[in-house]
Amino acid sequence: MVEVSPAGGVTSALDLTLAFIEEDHGAALAMGVAMGTVAYLQRPGGQAQMSMFLARRATDDALVRRISDHIVSHPADDLSTAALARLTGVSERHLSRLFVEHLGQTPGRYVHRGLPEAAAHLLASTGLPLAAVARRCGFGSPESLRQAFVDRYAVPPSRYRTVQAAAPTG
């Protein structure tokens, strides 16, 4: 059974609102609104201040958005630059140039930073065991997830889940 936090409905409404703003007024305004709705002044546990879920919306480039959307929604897939380039029908070099130009990092770096973030989302919003979170987020084992998580957030996944469960919602 998957447990979902009560805040899920709130964030879904926010996502829809941001999509409408983006559609009507462009990605730049939607990004400004998204950044203005961050609940924490400083996120706990060493979290990045700019989520990959927001960063992918920061560009109007359709190809970069398509690939970043794919990365976010398919974290267990082969997300190598070669596989992503094949998916879009462009060269690896061209895809890398587009990512650096529009997101300030290579596709590989975007994936490397994004997988622990996807895991953080699952840890905070579900009761899935760590092994299931690791599998769903493209890690070979719970230990490799733990190492990546500590590198990114400076806390182990179990501690992160405990802190998130104790954090006030809404």
C-alpha atoms as a PDB file:
ATOM      1  CA  MET A   1       0.000   0.000   0.000  1.00  0.00           C
ATOM      2  CA  VAL A   2       1.307   3.464  -0.890  1.00  0.00           C
ATOM      3  CA  GLU A   3       0.797   6.204   1.648  1.00  0.00           C
ATOM      4  CA  VAL A   4       0.495   9.724   0.325  1.00  0.00           C
ATOM      5  CA  SER A   5       0.895  12.802   2.471  1.00  0.00           C
ATOM      6  CA  PRO A   6      -2.125  15.078   2.911  1.00  0.00           C
ATOM      7  CA  ALA A   7      -0.149  17.863   1.283  1.00  0.00           C
ATOM      8  CA  GLY A   8      -0.319  16.027  -2.059  1.00  0.00           C
ATOM      9  CA  GLY A   9      -3.645  17.633  -2.943  1.00  0.00           C
ATOM     10  CA  VAL A  10      -2.287  21.080  -2.236  1.00  0.00           C
ATOM     11  CA  THR A  11       0.751  20.581  -4.409  1.00  0.00           C
ATOM     12  CA  SER A  12      -1.375  19.160  -7.222  1.00  0.00           C
ATOM     13  CA  ALA A  13      -3.459  22.327  -7.209  1.00  0.00           C
ATOM     14  CA  LEU A  14      -0.298  24.407  -7.195  1.00  0.00           C
ATOM     15  CA  ASP A  15       1.115  22.400 -10.127  1.00  0.00           C
ATOM     16  CA  LEU A  16      -2.081  22.969 -12.108  1.00  0.00           C
ATOM     17  CA  THR A  17      -2.076  26.684 -11.314  1.00  0.00           C
ATOM     18  CA  LEU A  18       1.538  26.983 -12.401  1.00  0.00           C
ATOM     19  CA  ALA A  19       0.748  25.139 -15.634  1.00  0.00           C
ATOM     20  CA  PHE A  20      -2.038  27.630 -16.378  1.00  0.00           C
ATOM     21  CA  ILE A  21       0.238  30.593 -15.629  1.00  0.00           C
ATOM     22  CA  GLU A  22       2.930  29.115 -17.843  1.00  0.00           C
ATOM     23  CA  GLU A  23       0.508  28.463 -20.683  1.00  0.00           C
ATOM     24  CA  ASP A  24      -0.984  31.966 -20.524  1.00  0.00           C
ATOM     25  CA  HIS A  25       2.066  34.051 -19.588  1.00  0.00           C
ATOM     26  CA  GLY A  26       5.210  31.987 -20.231  1.00  0.00           C
ATOM     27  CA  ALA A  27       7.771  29.987 -18.308  1.00  0.00           C
ATOM     28  CA  ALA A  28       9.536  32.984 -16.745  1.00  0.00           C
ATOM     29  CA  LEU A  29       6.457  34.222 -14.866  1.00  0.00           C
ATOM     30  CA  ALA A  30       5.461  30.695 -13.837  1.00  0.00           C
ATOM     31  CA  MET A  31       8.978  30.165 -12.485  1.00  0.00           C
ATOM     32  CA  GLY A  32       8.791  33.404 -10.496  1.00  0.00           C
ATOM     33  CA  VAL A  33       5.469  32.376  -8.981  1.00  0.00           C
ATOM     34  CA  ALA A  34       6.779  28.874  -8.205  1.00  0.00           C
ATOM     35  CA  MET A  35       9.830  30.272  -6.462  1.00  0.00           C
ATOM     36  CA  GLY A  36       7.623  32.663  -4.492  1.00  0.00           C
ATOM     37  CA  THR A  37       5.565  29.798  -3.077  1.00  0.00           C
ATOM     38  CA  VAL A  38       8.431  27.955  -1.368  1.00  0.00           C
ATOM     39  CA  ALA A  39       7.300  27.232   2.169  1.00  0.00           C
ATOM     40  CA  TYR A  40      10.738  27.084   3.775  1.00  0.00           C
ATOM     41  CA  LEU A  41      12.931  30.154   3.940  1.00  0.00           C
ATOM     42  CA  GLN A  42      15.855  27.720   4.144  1.00  0.00           C
ATOM     43  CA  ARG A  43      15.074  24.087   3.403  1.00  0.00           C
ATOM     44  CA  PRO A  44      16.187  21.585   6.043  1.00  0.00           C
ATOM     45  CA  GLY A  45      18.722  18.811   5.587  1.00  0.00           C
ATOM     46  CA  GLY A  46      20.916  20.564   3.050  1.00  0.00           C
ATOM     47  CA  GLN A  47      18.249  20.445   0.340  1.00  0.00           C
ATOM     48  CA  ALA A  48      18.845  22.421  -2.801  1.00  0.00           C
ATOM     49  CA  GLN A  49      17.025  25.718  -2.895  1.00  0.00           C
ATOM     50  CA  MET A  50      16.014  25.133  -6.495  1.00  0.00           C
ATOM     51  CA  SER A  51      14.262  21.865  -7.137  1.00  0.00           C
ATOM     52  CA  MET A  52      14.822  19.998 -10.388  1.00  0.00           C
ATOM     53  CA  PHE A  53      11.037  19.931 -10.606  1.00  0.00           C
ATOM     54  CA  LEU A  54      11.139  23.732 -10.899  1.00  0.00           C
ATOM     55  CA  ALA A  55      14.387  23.975 -12.858  1.00  0.00           C
ATOM     56  CA  ARG A  56      12.927  21.984 -15.744  1.00  0.00           C
ATOM     57  CA  ARG A  57      10.214  24.616 -16.074  1.00  0.00           C
ATOM     58  CA  ALA A  58      12.774  27.427 -16.276  1.00  0.00           C
ATOM     59  CA  THR A  59      13.266  27.025 -20.017  1.00  0.00           C
ATOM     60  CA  ASP A  60      11.071  27.578 -23.010  1.00  0.00           C
ATOM     61  CA  ASP A  61      13.157  25.120 -25.046  1.00  0.00           C
ATOM     62  CA  ALA A  62      10.745  22.304 -25.927  1.00  0.00           C
ATOM     63  CA  LEU A  63      13.397  19.618 -26.346  1.00  0.00           C
ATOM     64  CA  VAL A  64      15.072  20.338 -23.000  1.00  0.00           C
ATOM     65  CA  ARG A  65      11.707  20.383 -21.282  1.00  0.00           C
ATOM     66  CA  ARG A  66      10.689  17.117 -22.945  1.00  0.00           C
ATOM     67  CA  ILE A  67      13.876  15.385 -21.809  1.00  0.00           C
ATOM     68  CA  SER A  68      13.792  16.857 -18.304  1.00  0.00           C
ATOM     69  CA  ASP A  69      10.149  15.793 -17.994  1.00  0.00           C
ATOM     70  CA  HIS A  70      11.179  12.294 -19.089  1.00  0.00           C
ATOM     71  CA  ILE A  71      13.969  12.205 -16.499  1.00  0.00           C
ATOM     72  CA  VAL A  72      11.629  13.279 -13.703  1.00  0.00           C
ATOM     73  CA  SER A  73       8.884  10.835 -14.669  1.00  0.00           C
ATOM     74  CA  HIS A  74      11.144   7.836 -15.504  1.00  0.00           C
ATOM     75  CA  PRO A  75      13.997   7.890 -12.968  1.00  0.00           C
ATOM     76  CA  ALA A  76      14.554   4.106 -13.192  1.00  0.00           C
ATOM     77  CA  ASP A  77      15.092   4.169 -16.989  1.00  0.00           C
ATOM     78  CA  ASP A  78      18.452   4.339 -18.761  1.00  0.00           C
ATOM     79  CA  LEU A  79      19.128   8.061 -18.385  1.00  0.00           C
ATOM     80  CA  SER A  80      22.576   8.158 -19.929  1.00  0.00           C
ATOM     81  CA  THR A  81      23.211  11.067 -22.267  1.00  0.00           C
ATOM     82  CA  ALA A  82      23.372   8.573 -25.152  1.00  0.00           C
ATOM     83  CA  ALA A  83      19.940   7.121 -24.306  1.00  0.00           C
ATOM     84  CA  LEU A  84      18.405  10.567 -23.871  1.00  0.00           C
ATOM     85  CA  ALA A  85      19.882  11.729 -27.180  1.00  0.00           C
ATOM     86  CA  ARG A  86      18.435   8.658 -28.936  1.00  0.00           C
ATOM     87  CA  LEU A  87      15.063   9.397 -27.381  1.00  0.00           C
ATOM     88  CA  THR A  88      15.026  12.849 -28.943  1.00  0.00           C
ATOM     89  CA  GLY A  89      16.855  12.077 -32.185  1.00  0.00           C
ATOM     90  CA  VAL A  90      19.704  14.509 -31.592  1.00  0.00           C
ATOM     91  CA  SER A  91      23.396  13.953 -31.011  1.00  0.00           C
ATOM     92  CA  GLU A  92      24.782  13.629 -27.490  1.00  0.00           C
ATOM     93  CA  ARG A  93      26.884  16.722 -28.112  1.00  0.00           C
ATOM     94  CA  HIS A  94      23.884  18.778 -29.195  1.00  0.00           C
ATOM     95  CA  LEU A  95      21.800  17.601 -26.232  1.00  0.00           C
ATOM     96  CA  SER A  96      24.627  18.480 -23.849  1.00  0.00           C
ATOM     97  CA  ARG A  97      24.957  21.948 -25.397  1.00  0.00           C
ATOM     98  CA  LEU A  98      21.215  22.546 -25.022  1.00  0.00           C
ATOM     99  CA  PHE A  99      21.206  21.453 -21.374  1.00  0.00           C
ATOM    100  CA  VAL A 100      24.179  23.636 -20.507  1.00  0.00           C
ATOM    101  CA  GLU A 101      22.641  26.596 -22.328  1.00  0.00           C
ATOM    102  CA  HIS A 102      19.166  26.251 -20.792  1.00  0.00           C
ATOM    103  CA  LEU A 103      19.706  24.562 -17.415  1.00  0.00           C
ATOM    104  CA  GLY A 104      23.330  25.387 -16.706  1.00  0.00           C
ATOM    105  CA  GLN A 105      24.449  21.756 -16.477  1.00  0.00           C
ATOM    106  CA  THR A 106      24.980  18.683 -18.624  1.00  0.00           C
ATOM    107  CA  PRO A 107      22.280  16.000 -18.889  1.00  0.00           C
ATOM    108  CA  GLY A 108      24.468  13.660 -16.830  1.00  0.00           C
ATOM    109  CA  ARG A 109      24.827  16.202 -14.023  1.00  0.00           C
ATOM    110  CA  TYR A 110      21.091  16.925 -14.135  1.00  0.00           C
ATOM    111  CA  VAL A 111      20.338  13.208 -13.740  1.00  0.00           C
ATOM    112  CA  HIS A 112      22.989  12.759 -11.034  1.00  0.00           C
ATOM    113  CA  ARG A 113      21.497  15.586  -8.981  1.00  0.00           C
ATOM    114  CA  GLY A 114      17.916  14.627  -9.774  1.00  0.00           C
ATOM    115  CA  LEU A 115      17.801  10.985  -8.705  1.00  0.00           C
ATOM    116  CA  PRO A 116      18.334  11.716  -4.999  1.00  0.00           C
ATOM    117  CA  GLU A 117      15.699  14.446  -5.297  1.00  0.00           C
ATOM    118  CA  ALA A 118      13.224  11.969  -6.767  1.00  0.00           C
ATOM    119  CA  ALA A 119      14.033   9.646  -3.873  1.00  0.00           C
ATOM    120  CA  ALA A 120      13.513  12.490  -1.392  1.00  0.00           C
ATOM    121  CA  HIS A 121      10.080  13.099  -2.875  1.00  0.00           C
ATOM    122  CA  LEU A 122       9.120   9.429  -2.450  1.00  0.00           C
ATOM    123  CA  LEU A 123      10.548   9.274   1.064  1.00  0.00           C
ATOM    124  CA  ALA A 124       8.516  12.306   2.108  1.00  0.00           C
ATOM    125  CA  SER A 125       5.284  11.328   0.391  1.00  0.00           C
ATOM    126  CA  THR A 126       5.080   7.531   0.739  1.00  0.00           C
ATOM    127  CA  GLY A 127       5.726   4.759   3.200  1.00  0.00           C
ATOM    128  CA  LEU A 128       7.624   2.676   0.637  1.00  0.00           C
ATOM    129  CA  PRO A 129      10.546   0.679   2.020  1.00  0.00           C
ATOM    130  CA  LEU A 130      13.982   2.054   1.217  1.00  0.00           C
ATOM    131  CA  ALA A 131      14.691  -0.813  -1.213  1.00  0.00           C
ATOM    132  CA  ALA A 132      11.549   0.065  -3.222  1.00  0.00           C
ATOM    133  CA  VAL A 133      12.475   3.766  -3.267  1.00  0.00           C
ATOM    134  CA  ALA A 134      15.966   2.835  -4.482  1.00  0.00           C
ATOM    135  CA  ARG A 135      14.544   0.666  -7.301  1.00  0.00           C
ATOM    136  CA  ARG A 136      12.010   3.273  -8.411  1.00  0.00           C
ATOM    137  CA  CYS A 137      14.660   5.976  -8.536  1.00  0.00           C
ATOM    138  CA  GLY A 138      17.229   4.072 -10.570  1.00  0.00           C
ATOM    139  CA  PHE A 139      19.618   3.050  -7.798  1.00  0.00           C
ATOM    140  CA  GLY A 140      21.010  -0.466  -7.852  1.00  0.00           C
ATOM    141  CA  SER A 141      20.671  -0.942  -4.116  1.00  0.00           C
ATOM    142  CA  PRO A 142      19.523   0.800  -0.938  1.00  0.00           C
ATOM    143  CA  GLU A 143      23.201   1.359  -0.119  1.00  0.00           C
ATOM    144  CA  SER A 144      23.865   3.225  -3.380  1.00  0.00           C
ATOM    145  CA  LEU A 145      20.772   5.340  -2.671  1.00  0.00           C
ATOM    146  CA  ARG A 146      22.054   6.029   0.840  1.00  0.00           C
ATOM    147  CA  GLN A 147      25.460   7.120  -0.466  1.00  0.00           C
ATOM    148  CA  ALA A 148      23.973   9.420  -3.120  1.00  0.00           C
ATOM    149  CA  PHE A 149      21.507  10.817  -0.604  1.00  0.00           C
ATOM    150  CA  VAL A 150      24.195  11.599   1.972  1.00  0.00           C
ATOM    151  CA  ASP A 151      26.322  13.225  -0.753  1.00  0.00           C
ATOM    152  CA  ARG A 152      23.400  15.420  -1.845  1.00  0.00           C
ATOM    153  CA  TYR A 153      21.578  16.190   1.428  1.00  0.00           C
ATOM    154  CA  ALA A 154      24.171  15.398   4.128  1.00  0.00           C
ATOM    155  CA  VAL A 155      21.679  13.127   5.915  1.00  0.00           C
ATOM    156  CA  PRO A 156      20.783   9.468   5.357  1.00  0.00           C
ATOM    157  CA  PRO A 157      17.408   8.689   3.763  1.00  0.00           C
ATOM    158  CA  SER A 158      15.981   7.302   7.018  1.00  0.00           C
ATOM    159  CA  ARG A 159      16.772  10.555   8.867  1.00  0.00           C
ATOM    160  CA  TYR A 160      15.343  12.603   6.018  1.00  0.00           C
ATOM    161  CA  ARG A 161      12.075  10.635   6.184  1.00  0.00           C
ATOM    162  CA  THR A 162      11.876  11.134   9.960  1.00  0.00           C
ATOM    163  CA  VAL A 163      12.429  14.896   9.656  1.00  0.00           C
ATOM    164  CA  GLN A 164       9.876  15.192   6.849  1.00  0.00           C
ATOM    165  CA  ALA A 165       7.285  13.195   8.806  1.00  0.00           C
ATOM    166  CA  ALA A 166       7.719  15.577  11.749  1.00  0.00           C
ATOM    167  CA  ALA A 167       7.554  18.742   9.588  1.00  0.00           C
ATOM    168  CA  PRO A 168       4.276  20.660   9.684  1.00  0.00           C
ATOM    169  CA  THR A 169       2.242  20.537   6.464  1.00  0.00           C
ATOM    170  CA  GLY A 170       0.225  23.123   4.693  1.00  0.00           C
END
